[in-house]
Amino acid sequence: MESHIVKHEGNALGADKDTLYLLGGAALIVFGAGLILSNPVVRKYMGQLGVGNMAKDLIPDLDRYLKLRSM
């Protein structure tokens, strides 16, 4: 009976560790993207590509997709 309790606690610790790694990785990705996008050269090229305009064009499509998905 006691070995069953220990086994269950071990699985919970493993899941917590995996969740911590996942969230840590996501935080590093967001931080890295922020560092890249804060560079003036990158911001200049992004402005030339018209990424802001592309995002404005995608918002109605995303809205339509979410409405279809909720049906």
C-alpha atoms as a PDB file:
ATOM      1  CA  MET A   1       0.000   0.000   0.000  1.00  0.00           C
ATOM      2  CA  GLU A   2       2.803   2.385   0.852  1.00  0.00           C
ATOM      3  CA  SER A   3       4.649   1.811  -2.448  1.00  0.00           C
ATOM      4  CA  HIS A   4       1.507   2.891  -4.340  1.00  0.00           C
ATOM      5  CA  ILE A   5       1.524   6.254  -2.536  1.00  0.00           C
ATOM      6  CA  VAL A   6       5.206   6.826  -3.286  1.00  0.00           C
ATOM      7  CA  LYS A   7       4.675   5.960  -6.955  1.00  0.00           C
ATOM      8  CA  HIS A   8       1.829   8.474  -7.227  1.00  0.00           C
ATOM      9  CA  GLU A   9       3.908  11.226  -5.602  1.00  0.00           C
ATOM     10  CA  GLY A  10       6.756  10.528  -8.029  1.00  0.00           C
ATOM     11  CA  ASN A  11       4.439  10.987 -11.015  1.00  0.00           C
ATOM     12  CA  ALA A  12       3.148  14.273  -9.623  1.00  0.00           C
ATOM     13  CA  LEU A  13       6.682  15.577  -9.180  1.00  0.00           C
ATOM     14  CA  GLY A  14       7.563  14.585 -12.730  1.00  0.00           C
ATOM     15  CA  ALA A  15       4.508  16.390 -14.106  1.00  0.00           C
ATOM     16  CA  ASP A  16       5.381  19.504 -12.100  1.00  0.00           C
ATOM     17  CA  LYS A  17       8.924  19.439 -13.447  1.00  0.00           C
ATOM     18  CA  ASP A  18       7.658  19.066 -17.036  1.00  0.00           C
ATOM     19  CA  THR A  19       5.284  21.994 -16.549  1.00  0.00           C
ATOM     20  CA  LEU A  20       8.108  24.101 -15.143  1.00  0.00           C
ATOM     21  CA  TYR A  21      10.307  23.290 -18.153  1.00  0.00           C
ATOM     22  CA  LEU A  22       7.463  24.127 -20.548  1.00  0.00           C
ATOM     23  CA  LEU A  23       6.736  27.489 -18.937  1.00  0.00           C
ATOM     24  CA  GLY A  24      10.430  28.311 -18.658  1.00  0.00           C
ATOM     25  CA  GLY A  25      10.919  27.565 -22.348  1.00  0.00           C
ATOM     26  CA  ALA A  26       7.934  29.729 -23.295  1.00  0.00           C
ATOM     27  CA  ALA A  27       9.308  32.574 -21.175  1.00  0.00           C
ATOM     28  CA  LEU A  28      12.689  32.310 -22.885  1.00  0.00           C
ATOM     29  CA  ILE A  29      11.032  32.427 -26.319  1.00  0.00           C
ATOM     30  CA  VAL A  30       9.048  35.545 -25.414  1.00  0.00           C
ATOM     31  CA  PHE A  31      12.124  37.194 -23.902  1.00  0.00           C
ATOM     32  CA  GLY A  32      14.242  36.351 -26.949  1.00  0.00           C
ATOM     33  CA  ALA A  33      11.601  37.684 -29.342  1.00  0.00           C
ATOM     34  CA  GLY A  34      11.443  40.888 -27.312  1.00  0.00           C
ATOM     35  CA  LEU A  35      15.212  41.300 -27.521  1.00  0.00           C
ATOM     36  CA  ILE A  36      15.202  40.757 -31.265  1.00  0.00           C
ATOM     37  CA  LEU A  37      12.275  43.107 -31.888  1.00  0.00           C
ATOM     38  CA  SER A  38      13.814  45.830 -29.733  1.00  0.00           C
ATOM     39  CA  ASN A  39      16.777  46.097 -32.127  1.00  0.00           C
ATOM     40  CA  PRO A  40      16.409  49.279 -34.261  1.00  0.00           C
ATOM     41  CA  VAL A  41      17.635  47.535 -37.432  1.00  0.00           C
ATOM     42  CA  VAL A  42      15.054  44.774 -37.069  1.00  0.00           C
ATOM     43  CA  ARG A  43      12.312  47.317 -36.363  1.00  0.00           C
ATOM     44  CA  LYS A  44      13.254  49.210 -39.529  1.00  0.00           C
ATOM     45  CA  TYR A  45      13.036  46.048 -41.655  1.00  0.00           C
ATOM     46  CA  MET A  46       9.746  45.042 -40.040  1.00  0.00           C
ATOM     47  CA  GLY A  47       8.361  48.462 -40.879  1.00  0.00           C
ATOM     48  CA  GLN A  48       9.433  48.060 -44.497  1.00  0.00           C
ATOM     49  CA  LEU A  49       7.749  44.659 -44.739  1.00  0.00           C
ATOM     50  CA  GLY A  50       4.440  46.082 -43.516  1.00  0.00           C
ATOM     51  CA  VAL A  51       3.900  43.570 -40.725  1.00  0.00           C
ATOM     52  CA  GLY A  52       1.483  45.954 -39.000  1.00  0.00           C
ATOM     53  CA  ASN A  53      -0.682  46.109 -42.101  1.00  0.00           C
ATOM     54  CA  MET A  54      -0.601  42.337 -42.396  1.00  0.00           C
ATOM     55  CA  ALA A  55      -1.836  42.018 -38.799  1.00  0.00           C
ATOM     56  CA  LYS A  56      -4.729  44.394 -39.524  1.00  0.00           C
ATOM     57  CA  ASP A  57      -5.711  42.259 -42.511  1.00  0.00           C
ATOM     58  CA  LEU A  58      -5.639  39.054 -40.454  1.00  0.00           C
ATOM     59  CA  ILE A  59      -7.917  40.257 -37.644  1.00  0.00           C
ATOM     60  CA  PRO A  60     -11.197  39.914 -39.631  1.00  0.00           C
ATOM     61  CA  ASP A  61     -10.166  36.415 -40.757  1.00  0.00           C
ATOM     62  CA  LEU A  62      -9.390  35.407 -37.188  1.00  0.00           C
ATOM     63  CA  ASP A  63     -12.716  36.794 -36.008  1.00  0.00           C
ATOM     64  CA  ARG A  64     -14.548  34.838 -38.727  1.00  0.00           C
ATOM     65  CA  TYR A  65     -12.656  31.658 -37.770  1.00  0.00           C
ATOM     66  CA  LEU A  66     -13.584  32.004 -34.105  1.00  0.00           C
ATOM     67  CA  LYS A  67     -17.261  32.509 -35.000  1.00  0.00           C
ATOM     68  CA  LEU A  68     -17.245  29.390 -37.191  1.00  0.00           C
ATOM     69  CA  ARG A  69     -15.499  27.401 -34.502  1.00  0.00           C
ATOM     70  CA  SER A  70     -18.070  28.346 -31.855  1.00  0.00           C
ATOM     71  CA  MET A  71     -20.981  27.029 -33.973  1.00  0.00           C
END
